[in-house]
C-alpha atoms as a PDB file:
ATOM      1  CA  UNK A   1      24.232   2.857 -16.327  1.00  0.00           C
ATOM      2  CA  UNK A   2      20.793   1.659 -17.075  1.00  0.00           C
ATOM      3  CA  UNK A   3      18.561   4.320 -18.687  1.00  0.00           C
ATOM      4  CA  UNK A   4      15.096   5.258 -17.341  1.00  0.00           C
ATOM      5  CA  UNK A   5      12.303   3.237 -18.701  1.00  0.00           C
ATOM      6  CA  UNK A   6       9.043   4.915 -19.403  1.00  0.00           C
ATOM      7  CA  UNK A   7       7.006   1.739 -19.113  1.00  0.00           C
ATOM      8  CA  UNK A   8       8.043   1.468 -15.673  1.00  0.00           C
ATOM      9  CA  UNK A   9       7.382   5.161 -14.708  1.00  0.00           C
ATOM     10  CA  UNK A  10      11.072   5.781 -13.755  1.00  0.00           C
ATOM     11  CA  UNK A  11      12.306   9.110 -12.530  1.00  0.00           C
ATOM     12  CA  UNK A  12      15.358   8.885 -10.577  1.00  0.00           C
ATOM     13  CA  UNK A  13      15.984  11.168  -7.664  1.00  0.00           C
ATOM     14  CA  UNK A  14      18.826  13.820  -7.853  1.00  0.00           C
ATOM     15  CA  UNK A  15      21.632  13.621  -5.549  1.00  0.00           C
ATOM     16  CA  UNK A  16      20.970  17.094  -4.066  1.00  0.00           C
ATOM     17  CA  UNK A  17      17.708  16.100  -2.992  1.00  0.00           C
ATOM     18  CA  UNK A  18      18.642  12.717  -1.374  1.00  0.00           C
ATOM     19  CA  UNK A  19      19.908  14.144   1.826  1.00  0.00           C
ATOM     20  CA  UNK A  20      16.718  16.212   2.367  1.00  0.00           C
ATOM     21  CA  UNK A  21      14.415  13.162   1.730  1.00  0.00           C
ATOM     22  CA  UNK A  22      16.557  11.035   4.104  1.00  0.00           C
ATOM     23  CA  UNK A  23      16.279  13.632   6.724  1.00  0.00           C
ATOM     24  CA  UNK A  24      12.533  13.564   6.436  1.00  0.00           C
ATOM     25  CA  UNK A  25      12.527   9.717   6.635  1.00  0.00           C
ATOM     26  CA  UNK A  26      14.660   9.949   9.848  1.00  0.00           C
ATOM     27  CA  UNK A  27      15.933   6.256   9.868  1.00  0.00           C
ATOM     28  CA  UNK A  28      17.306   4.903  13.128  1.00  0.00           C
ATOM     29  CA  UNK A  29      20.074   2.207  13.673  1.00  0.00           C
ATOM     30  CA  UNK A  30      17.711  -0.297  14.961  1.00  0.00           C
ATOM     31  CA  UNK A  31      15.001  -0.026  12.140  1.00  0.00           C
ATOM     32  CA  UNK A  32      14.381  -2.240   9.463  1.00  0.00           C
ATOM     33  CA  UNK A  33      13.249  -0.839   6.029  1.00  0.00           C
ATOM     34  CA  UNK A  34      11.324  -2.122   2.957  1.00  0.00           C
ATOM     35  CA  UNK A  35      12.115   0.207  -0.015  1.00  0.00           C
ATOM     36  CA  UNK A  36       9.835   0.023  -2.954  1.00  0.00           C
ATOM     37  CA  UNK A  37      11.377   0.852  -6.306  1.00  0.00           C
ATOM     38  CA  UNK A  38      14.628   1.557  -5.320  1.00  0.00           C
ATOM     39  CA  UNK A  39      15.753   2.201  -9.042  1.00  0.00           C
ATOM     40  CA  UNK A  40      19.632   3.128  -8.938  1.00  0.00           C
ATOM     41  CA  UNK A  41      19.908   2.959  -5.304  1.00  0.00           C
ATOM     42  CA  UNK A  42      19.778   6.710  -4.719  1.00  0.00           C
ATOM     43  CA  UNK A  43      17.944   6.212  -1.300  1.00  0.00           C
ATOM     44  CA  UNK A  44      19.179   2.482  -0.859  1.00  0.00           C
ATOM     45  CA  UNK A  45      22.700   3.513   0.289  1.00  0.00           C
ATOM     46  CA  UNK A  46      21.915   6.178   2.646  1.00  0.00           C
ATOM     47  CA  UNK A  47      19.051   4.332   4.233  1.00  0.00           C
ATOM     48  CA  UNK A  48      21.317   1.382   4.700  1.00  0.00           C
ATOM     49  CA  UNK A  49      24.248   3.518   6.131  1.00  0.00           C
ATOM     50  CA  UNK A  50      21.734   4.617   9.177  1.00  0.00           C
ATOM     51  CA  UNK A  51      19.204   1.798   9.598  1.00  0.00           C
ATOM     52  CA  UNK A  52      19.663  -1.801  10.449  1.00  0.00           C
ATOM     53  CA  UNK A  53      18.749  -3.438   7.365  1.00  0.00           C
ATOM     54  CA  UNK A  54      16.853  -2.748   3.856  1.00  0.00           C
ATOM     55  CA  UNK A  55      14.836  -5.090   1.482  1.00  0.00           C
ATOM     56  CA  UNK A  56      14.624  -3.456  -1.655  1.00  0.00           C
ATOM     57  CA  UNK A  57      11.808  -4.581  -4.179  1.00  0.00           C
ATOM     58  CA  UNK A  58      12.772  -3.548  -7.851  1.00  0.00           C
ATOM     59  CA  UNK A  59      10.662  -4.702 -10.984  1.00  0.00           C
ATOM     60  CA  UNK A  60      13.560  -3.805 -13.412  1.00  0.00           C
ATOM     61  CA  UNK A  61      15.598  -6.805 -13.891  1.00  0.00           C
ATOM     62  CA  UNK A  62      18.567  -4.825 -15.031  1.00  0.00           C
ATOM     63  CA  UNK A  63      18.571  -2.290 -12.384  1.00  0.00           C
ATOM     64  CA  UNK A  64      18.154  -4.739  -9.625  1.00  0.00           C
ATOM     65  CA  UNK A  65      21.216  -6.661 -10.869  1.00  0.00           C
ATOM     66  CA  UNK A  66      23.383  -3.478 -10.783  1.00  0.00           C
ATOM     67  CA  UNK A  67      21.911  -2.594  -7.268  1.00  0.00           C
ATOM     68  CA  UNK A  68      22.664  -5.975  -5.870  1.00  0.00           C
ATOM     69  CA  UNK A  69      26.150  -5.833  -7.165  1.00  0.00           C
ATOM     70  CA  UNK A  70      26.894  -2.892  -5.338  1.00  0.00           C
ATOM     71  CA  UNK A  71      24.677  -2.875  -2.421  1.00  0.00           C
ATOM     72  CA  UNK A  72      26.197  -3.148   1.251  1.00  0.00           C
ATOM     73  CA  UNK A  73      25.664  -6.168   3.190  1.00  0.00           C
ATOM     74  CA  UNK A  74      22.759  -5.284   4.992  1.00  0.00           C
ATOM     75  CA  UNK A  75      20.713  -4.602   1.746  1.00  0.00           C
ATOM     76  CA  UNK A  76      18.617  -7.414   0.201  1.00  0.00           C
ATOM     77  CA  UNK A  77      17.532  -6.902  -3.543  1.00  0.00           C
ATOM     78  CA  UNK A  78      14.339  -8.498  -4.433  1.00  0.00           C
ATOM     79  CA  UNK A  79      13.504  -8.496  -8.152  1.00  0.00           C
ATOM     80  CA  UNK A  80       9.884  -8.629  -8.491  1.00  0.00           C
ATOM     81  CA  UNK A  81       6.715  -6.735  -9.123  1.00  0.00           C
ATOM     82  CA  UNK A  82       5.680  -5.597  -5.536  1.00  0.00           C
ATOM     83  CA  UNK A  83       2.092  -5.265  -6.379  1.00  0.00           C
ATOM     84  CA  UNK A  84       2.070  -9.095  -7.063  1.00  0.00           C
ATOM     85  CA  UNK A  85       3.443 -10.021  -3.490  1.00  0.00           C
ATOM     86  CA  UNK A  86       0.926 -12.385  -2.088  1.00  0.00           C
ATOM     87  CA  UNK A  87      -0.538 -11.734   1.395  1.00  0.00           C
ATOM     88  CA  UNK A  88      -1.377 -15.165   2.261  1.00  0.00           C
ATOM     89  CA  UNK A  89       1.158 -15.741   5.059  1.00  0.00           C
ATOM     90  CA  UNK A  90       2.070 -13.278   7.709  1.00  0.00           C
ATOM     91  CA  UNK A  91       5.481 -12.393   6.729  1.00  0.00           C
ATOM     92  CA  UNK A  92       4.964  -9.788   4.023  1.00  0.00           C
ATOM     93  CA  UNK A  93       3.677 -12.349   1.810  1.00  0.00           C
ATOM     94  CA  UNK A  94       6.731 -13.737   0.498  1.00  0.00           C
ATOM     95  CA  UNK A  95       7.682 -17.450   1.219  1.00  0.00           C
ATOM     96  CA  UNK A  96      11.394 -17.014   2.132  1.00  0.00           C
ATOM     97  CA  UNK A  97      13.378 -15.400   4.931  1.00  0.00           C
ATOM     98  CA  UNK A  98      14.715 -12.521   3.238  1.00  0.00           C
ATOM     99  CA  UNK A  99      12.814  -9.975   5.603  1.00  0.00           C
ATOM    100  CA  UNK A 100      14.287 -11.759   8.699  1.00  0.00           C
ATOM    101  CA  UNK A 101      12.262 -11.811  11.793  1.00  0.00           C
ATOM    102  CA  UNK A 102      11.801  -8.115  12.815  1.00  0.00           C
ATOM    103  CA  UNK A 103       8.831  -7.117  14.849  1.00  0.00           C
ATOM    104  CA  UNK A 104       8.273  -4.150  12.634  1.00  0.00           C
ATOM    105  CA  UNK A 105       9.205  -2.358   9.438  1.00  0.00           C
ATOM    106  CA  UNK A 106       9.277   1.043   7.953  1.00  0.00           C
ATOM    107  CA  UNK A 107       8.535   1.653   4.196  1.00  0.00           C
ATOM    108  CA  UNK A 108      10.429   4.266   1.843  1.00  0.00           C
ATOM    109  CA  UNK A 109      10.213   4.670  -1.815  1.00  0.00           C
ATOM    110  CA  UNK A 110      10.032   6.796  -4.839  1.00  0.00           C
ATOM    111  CA  UNK A 111       6.902   5.449  -6.347  1.00  0.00           C
ATOM    112  CA  UNK A 112       6.312   5.298 -10.082  1.00  0.00           C
ATOM    113  CA  UNK A 113       3.534   7.679 -11.025  1.00  0.00           C
ATOM    114  CA  UNK A 114       1.565   5.219 -12.891  1.00  0.00           C
ATOM    115  CA  UNK A 115       1.023   2.887 -10.193  1.00  0.00           C
ATOM    116  CA  UNK A 116       1.455   5.044  -6.835  1.00  0.00           C
ATOM    117  CA  UNK A 117      -2.318   4.450  -5.890  1.00  0.00           C
ATOM    118  CA  UNK A 118      -2.013   0.686  -6.278  1.00  0.00           C
ATOM    119  CA  UNK A 119       1.086   0.735  -4.294  1.00  0.00           C
ATOM    120  CA  UNK A 120      -0.586   2.531  -1.526  1.00  0.00           C
ATOM    121  CA  UNK A 121      -3.489   0.283  -1.434  1.00  0.00           C
ATOM    122  CA  UNK A 122      -1.292  -2.719  -1.373  1.00  0.00           C
ATOM    123  CA  UNK A 123       0.731  -1.285   1.432  1.00  0.00           C
ATOM    124  CA  UNK A 124      -2.756  -0.879   3.449  1.00  0.00           C
ATOM    125  CA  UNK A 125      -3.660  -4.431   2.281  1.00  0.00           C
ATOM    126  CA  UNK A 126      -0.563  -5.695   3.726  1.00  0.00           C
ATOM    127  CA  UNK A 127      -0.908  -3.900   7.045  1.00  0.00           C
ATOM    128  CA  UNK A 128      -4.424  -5.277   7.349  1.00  0.00           C
ATOM    129  CA  UNK A 129      -3.219  -8.922   6.609  1.00  0.00           C
ATOM    130  CA  UNK A 130      -0.887  -8.716   9.788  1.00  0.00           C
ATOM    131  CA  UNK A 131       2.402  -7.299   8.207  1.00  0.00           C
ATOM    132  CA  UNK A 132       3.861  -5.261  11.275  1.00  0.00           C
ATOM    133  CA  UNK A 133       3.982  -2.067   9.066  1.00  0.00           C
ATOM    134  CA  UNK A 134       4.911   1.180  10.926  1.00  0.00           C
ATOM    135  CA  UNK A 135       4.671   3.915   8.479  1.00  0.00           C
ATOM    136  CA  UNK A 136       5.604   4.603   4.812  1.00  0.00           C
ATOM    137  CA  UNK A 137       7.457   7.561   3.801  1.00  0.00           C
ATOM    138  CA  UNK A 138       7.073   7.934   0.010  1.00  0.00           C
ATOM    139  CA  UNK A 139       7.328  10.311  -3.151  1.00  0.00           C
ATOM    140  CA  UNK A 140       4.514  10.436  -5.514  1.00  0.00           C
ATOM    141  CA  UNK A 141       2.889  13.089  -7.780  1.00  0.00           C
ATOM    142  CA  UNK A 142       1.661  16.021  -5.920  1.00  0.00           C
ATOM    143  CA  UNK A 143      -1.835  15.597  -7.169  1.00  0.00           C
ATOM    144  CA  UNK A 144      -2.163  12.077  -5.439  1.00  0.00           C
ATOM    145  CA  UNK A 145      -0.852  13.766  -2.276  1.00  0.00           C
ATOM    146  CA  UNK A 146      -3.567  16.158  -2.330  1.00  0.00           C
ATOM    147  CA  UNK A 147      -6.023  13.431  -2.635  1.00  0.00           C
ATOM    148  CA  UNK A 148      -4.649  11.570   0.221  1.00  0.00           C
ATOM    149  CA  UNK A 149      -4.958  14.416   2.618  1.00  0.00           C
ATOM    150  CA  UNK A 150      -8.281  15.822   1.339  1.00  0.00           C
ATOM    151  CA  UNK A 151     -11.275  16.148   3.511  1.00  0.00           C
ATOM    152  CA  UNK A 152     -14.912  15.878   2.777  1.00  0.00           C
ATOM    153  CA  UNK A 153     -16.336  18.497   0.421  1.00  0.00           C
ATOM    154  CA  UNK A 154     -12.982  19.186  -1.124  1.00  0.00           C
ATOM    155  CA  UNK A 155     -12.382  18.826  -4.830  1.00  0.00           C
ATOM    156  CA  UNK A 156      -9.809  16.215  -4.290  1.00  0.00           C
ATOM    157  CA  UNK A 157     -11.714  14.013  -1.859  1.00  0.00           C
ATOM    158  CA  UNK A 158     -12.201  10.685  -3.404  1.00  0.00           C
ATOM    159  CA  UNK A 159     -11.879   6.960  -3.206  1.00  0.00           C
ATOM    160  CA  UNK A 160      -8.124   7.567  -2.247  1.00  0.00           C
ATOM    161  CA  UNK A 161      -8.796   9.862   0.517  1.00  0.00           C
ATOM    162  CA  UNK A 162     -11.517   7.491   2.279  1.00  0.00           C
ATOM    163  CA  UNK A 163      -9.672   4.446   1.772  1.00  0.00           C
ATOM    164  CA  UNK A 164      -6.106   5.509   2.909  1.00  0.00           C
ATOM    165  CA  UNK A 165      -7.339   7.918   5.590  1.00  0.00           C
ATOM    166  CA  UNK A 166      -7.750   5.008   7.764  1.00  0.00           C
ATOM    167  CA  UNK A 167      -4.074   5.747   8.102  1.00  0.00           C
ATOM    168  CA  UNK A 168      -2.603   8.998   9.257  1.00  0.00           C
ATOM    169  CA  UNK A 169      -1.371  11.012   6.211  1.00  0.00           C
ATOM    170  CA  UNK A 170       1.261  13.768   6.459  1.00  0.00           C
ATOM    171  CA  UNK A 171       2.976  15.981   3.787  1.00  0.00           C
ATOM    172  CA  UNK A 172       6.588  16.343   4.397  1.00  0.00           C
ATOM    173  CA  UNK A 173       7.991  17.952   1.386  1.00  0.00           C
ATOM    174  CA  UNK A 174       7.305  19.256  -1.966  1.00  0.00           C
ATOM    175  CA  UNK A 175       9.753  18.407  -4.941  1.00  0.00           C
ATOM    176  CA  UNK A 176      10.086  20.441  -8.114  1.00  0.00           C
ATOM    177  CA  UNK A 177      10.237  18.391 -11.392  1.00  0.00           C
ATOM    178  CA  UNK A 178      14.124  19.345 -11.283  1.00  0.00           C
ATOM    179  CA  UNK A 179      14.450  16.845  -8.457  1.00  0.00           C
ATOM    180  CA  UNK A 180      14.381  14.065 -10.644  1.00  0.00           C
ATOM    181  CA  UNK A 181      16.061  12.852 -14.135  1.00  0.00           C
ATOM    182  CA  UNK A 182      14.527  12.643 -16.299  1.00  0.00           C
ATOM    183  CA  UNK A 183      12.395  15.566 -15.135  1.00  0.00           C
ATOM    184  CA  UNK A 184       8.645  14.615 -14.959  1.00  0.00           C
ATOM    185  CA  UNK A 185       6.038  16.898 -16.281  1.00  0.00           C
ATOM    186  CA  UNK A 186       4.385  16.971 -12.849  1.00  0.00           C
ATOM    187  CA  UNK A 187       5.282  18.118  -9.251  1.00  0.00           C
ATOM    188  CA  UNK A 188       5.852  15.744  -6.631  1.00  0.00           C
ATOM    189  CA  UNK A 189       5.597  15.298  -2.813  1.00  0.00           C
ATOM    190  CA  UNK A 190       7.027  13.346  -0.165  1.00  0.00           C
ATOM    191  CA  UNK A 191       4.158  12.034   2.234  1.00  0.00           C
ATOM    192  CA  UNK A 192       4.219   9.829   5.444  1.00  0.00           C
ATOM    193  CA  UNK A 193       1.442   7.361   6.165  1.00  0.00           C
ATOM    194  CA  UNK A 194       1.208   6.038   9.605  1.00  0.00           C
ATOM    195  CA  UNK A 195      -0.447   2.737   9.903  1.00  0.00           C
ATOM    196  CA  UNK A 196      -3.034   2.034  12.655  1.00  0.00           C
ATOM    197  CA  UNK A 197      -6.204  -0.144  13.060  1.00  0.00           C
ATOM    198  CA  UNK A 198      -9.182   1.365  11.019  1.00  0.00           C
ATOM    199  CA  UNK A 199     -10.925   3.723  13.422  1.00  0.00           C
ATOM    200  CA  UNK A 200     -13.855   3.145  13.227  1.00  0.00           C
ATOM    201  CA  UNK A 201     -13.575  -0.345  11.754  1.00  0.00           C
ATOM    202  CA  UNK A 202     -16.007  -1.413   9.131  1.00  0.00           C
ATOM    203  CA  UNK A 203     -17.951  -4.717  10.240  1.00  0.00           C
ATOM    204  CA  UNK A 204     -17.475  -5.910   6.557  1.00  0.00           C
ATOM    205  CA  UNK A 205     -14.319  -4.492   5.262  1.00  0.00           C
ATOM    206  CA  UNK A 206     -14.527  -5.879   1.787  1.00  0.00           C
ATOM    207  CA  UNK A 207     -18.013  -4.506   1.439  1.00  0.00           C
ATOM    208  CA  UNK A 208     -16.928  -1.069   2.835  1.00  0.00           C
ATOM    209  CA  UNK A 209     -14.260  -0.841  -0.052  1.00  0.00           C
ATOM    210  CA  UNK A 210     -16.658  -1.962  -2.653  1.00  0.00           C
ATOM    211  CA  UNK A 211     -19.350   0.441  -1.358  1.00  0.00           C
ATOM    212  CA  UNK A 212     -16.750   3.359  -1.378  1.00  0.00           C
ATOM    213  CA  UNK A 213     -15.630   2.653  -4.842  1.00  0.00           C
ATOM    214  CA  UNK A 214     -19.068   2.107  -6.330  1.00  0.00           C
ATOM    215  CA  UNK A 215     -20.560   5.433  -4.895  1.00  0.00           C
ATOM    216  CA  UNK A 216     -17.683   7.739  -6.149  1.00  0.00           C
ATOM    217  CA  UNK A 217     -18.258   6.511  -9.702  1.00  0.00           C
ATOM    218  CA  UNK A 218     -21.508   8.779  -9.052  1.00  0.00           C
ATOM    219  CA  UNK A 219     -19.796  11.423  -6.775  1.00  0.00           C
ATOM    220  CA  UNK A 220     -22.183  14.354  -8.009  1.00  0.00           C
ATOM    221  CA  UNK A 221     -25.165  12.298  -7.726  1.00  0.00           C
ATOM    222  CA  UNK A 222     -27.352  12.349  -4.441  1.00  0.00           C
ATOM    223  CA  UNK A 223     -26.517   9.230  -2.015  1.00  0.00           C
ATOM    224  CA  UNK A 224     -29.904   7.945  -2.758  1.00  0.00           C
ATOM    225  CA  UNK A 225     -29.063   7.899  -6.764  1.00  0.00           C
ATOM    226  CA  UNK A 226     -25.244   6.836  -6.054  1.00  0.00           C
ATOM    227  CA  UNK A 227     -26.129   3.779  -4.154  1.00  0.00           C
ATOM    228  CA  UNK A 228     -27.540   2.205  -7.549  1.00  0.00           C
ATOM    229  CA  UNK A 229     -23.900   1.713  -8.370  1.00  0.00           C
ATOM    230  CA  UNK A 230     -23.245  -0.698  -5.322  1.00  0.00           C
ATOM    231  CA  UNK A 231     -24.290  -4.171  -5.608  1.00  0.00           C
ATOM    232  CA  UNK A 232     -23.551  -5.857  -2.281  1.00  0.00           C
ATOM    233  CA  UNK A 233     -23.951  -9.458  -1.901  1.00  0.00           C
ATOM    234  CA  UNK A 234     -27.428 -10.529  -0.843  1.00  0.00           C
ATOM    235  CA  UNK A 235     -28.212 -11.206   2.733  1.00  0.00           C
ATOM    236  CA  UNK A 236     -30.534 -13.852   4.113  1.00  0.00           C
ATOM    237  CA  UNK A 237     -33.325 -11.045   4.059  1.00  0.00           C
ATOM    238  CA  UNK A 238     -32.497 -10.415   0.309  1.00  0.00           C
ATOM    239  CA  UNK A 239     -31.945  -6.703  -0.877  1.00  0.00           C
ATOM    240  CA  UNK A 240     -32.462  -3.891   1.604  1.00  0.00           C
ATOM    241  CA  UNK A 241     -34.199  -0.803   0.110  1.00  0.00           C
ATOM    242  CA  UNK A 242     -31.814   2.220  -0.078  1.00  0.00           C
ATOM    243  CA  UNK A 243     -34.136   4.449   2.043  1.00  0.00           C
ATOM    244  CA  UNK A 244     -33.956   1.946   4.852  1.00  0.00           C
ATOM    245  CA  UNK A 245     -30.133   1.784   4.758  1.00  0.00           C
ATOM    246  CA  UNK A 246     -29.732   5.402   4.821  1.00  0.00           C
ATOM    247  CA  UNK A 247     -32.175   5.769   7.812  1.00  0.00           C
ATOM    248  CA  UNK A 248     -30.298   3.021   9.755  1.00  0.00           C
ATOM    249  CA  UNK A 249     -26.997   5.079   8.949  1.00  0.00           C
ATOM    250  CA  UNK A 250     -28.781   8.321   9.983  1.00  0.00           C
ATOM    251  CA  UNK A 251     -27.831   9.908   6.664  1.00  0.00           C
ATOM    252  CA  UNK A 252     -29.586  12.174   4.366  1.00  0.00           C
ATOM    253  CA  UNK A 253     -30.139  10.808   1.029  1.00  0.00           C
ATOM    254  CA  UNK A 254     -29.976  14.009  -0.620  1.00  0.00           C
ATOM    255  CA  UNK A 255     -26.363  14.378   0.370  1.00  0.00           C
ATOM    256  CA  UNK A 256     -23.476  13.776  -2.147  1.00  0.00           C
ATOM    257  CA  UNK A 257     -20.860  11.085  -1.611  1.00  0.00           C
ATOM    258  CA  UNK A 258     -18.211  13.512  -1.624  1.00  0.00           C
ATOM    259  CA  UNK A 259     -19.482  15.128   1.556  1.00  0.00           C
ATOM    260  CA  UNK A 260     -19.407  12.068   3.734  1.00  0.00           C
ATOM    261  CA  UNK A 261     -16.686  11.597   6.233  1.00  0.00           C
ATOM    262  CA  UNK A 262     -14.742   8.181   6.689  1.00  0.00           C
ATOM    263  CA  UNK A 263     -16.935   7.431   9.756  1.00  0.00           C
ATOM    264  CA  UNK A 264     -19.888   8.186   7.793  1.00  0.00           C
ATOM    265  CA  UNK A 265     -18.942   5.838   5.059  1.00  0.00           C
ATOM    266  CA  UNK A 266     -18.279   3.077   7.662  1.00  0.00           C
ATOM    267  CA  UNK A 267     -21.634   3.795   9.306  1.00  0.00           C
ATOM    268  CA  UNK A 268     -23.292   3.432   5.774  1.00  0.00           C
ATOM    269  CA  UNK A 269     -21.601   0.262   5.213  1.00  0.00           C
ATOM    270  CA  UNK A 270     -22.323  -1.181   8.385  1.00  0.00           C
ATOM    271  CA  UNK A 271     -26.102  -0.528   7.835  1.00  0.00           C
ATOM    272  CA  UNK A 272     -26.425  -2.971   5.106  1.00  0.00           C
ATOM    273  CA  UNK A 273     -27.289  -6.409   6.512  1.00  0.00           C
ATOM    274  CA  UNK A 274     -24.429  -8.786   6.847  1.00  0.00           C
ATOM    275  CA  UNK A 275     -23.737 -11.159   4.015  1.00  0.00           C
ATOM    276  CA  UNK A 276     -25.370 -14.657   3.954  1.00  0.00           C
END
């Protein structure tokens, strides 16, 4: 049996916890699943037994080969880095038919701690590119889960909170270190993201993301000072003074970024002139 590899952040779910996680995922016979990081297949088999099909993306070549050799017929194992999937086409960004022609997909996975946030952003990116994702039920570090569900003014509130909260996030289950082998030094949580169009939707989605990422590098500064970190593409009118942008957004420049709601960040982004 392939040993856990630290460079891939591998911690395998113990059998006693598998049924609890599967119950929380609640797969149905007509549902197609995408599994991110199946590892040794602890969730893959139970998912496949309850769902229509599973496409499992595994970065570890040895684990992918082992899983492919034992997986049931409704499981397709794809050996690749999920983060490197392109999003240029409309079928989950891969140029073959391994996913089939389902009109929607659910996502499940035990996400490596070292890339959990990038995978979450990737899922949001795929949804935004037109991939028909319904939800994602994933295991990740509990501190990341805390950031996902944090609201304005909370210590954990930050870039992840704002950008992922365009989806609805729900904590499903807490898992102790002993739920995995090898046992990590951190606690874990199972969360569910339900994908839906951003509400409100930013006029310039790329600019919105860049703005949020920039101002949170100065989260303890006032908005007026934090905006110094943001360099939007110039519009036909040139650079707009920060006080004018804040006035358009109806925001007090003495507030700190960590106090703004998602809707207020969208309003701030929309207050910049459109790019040339």
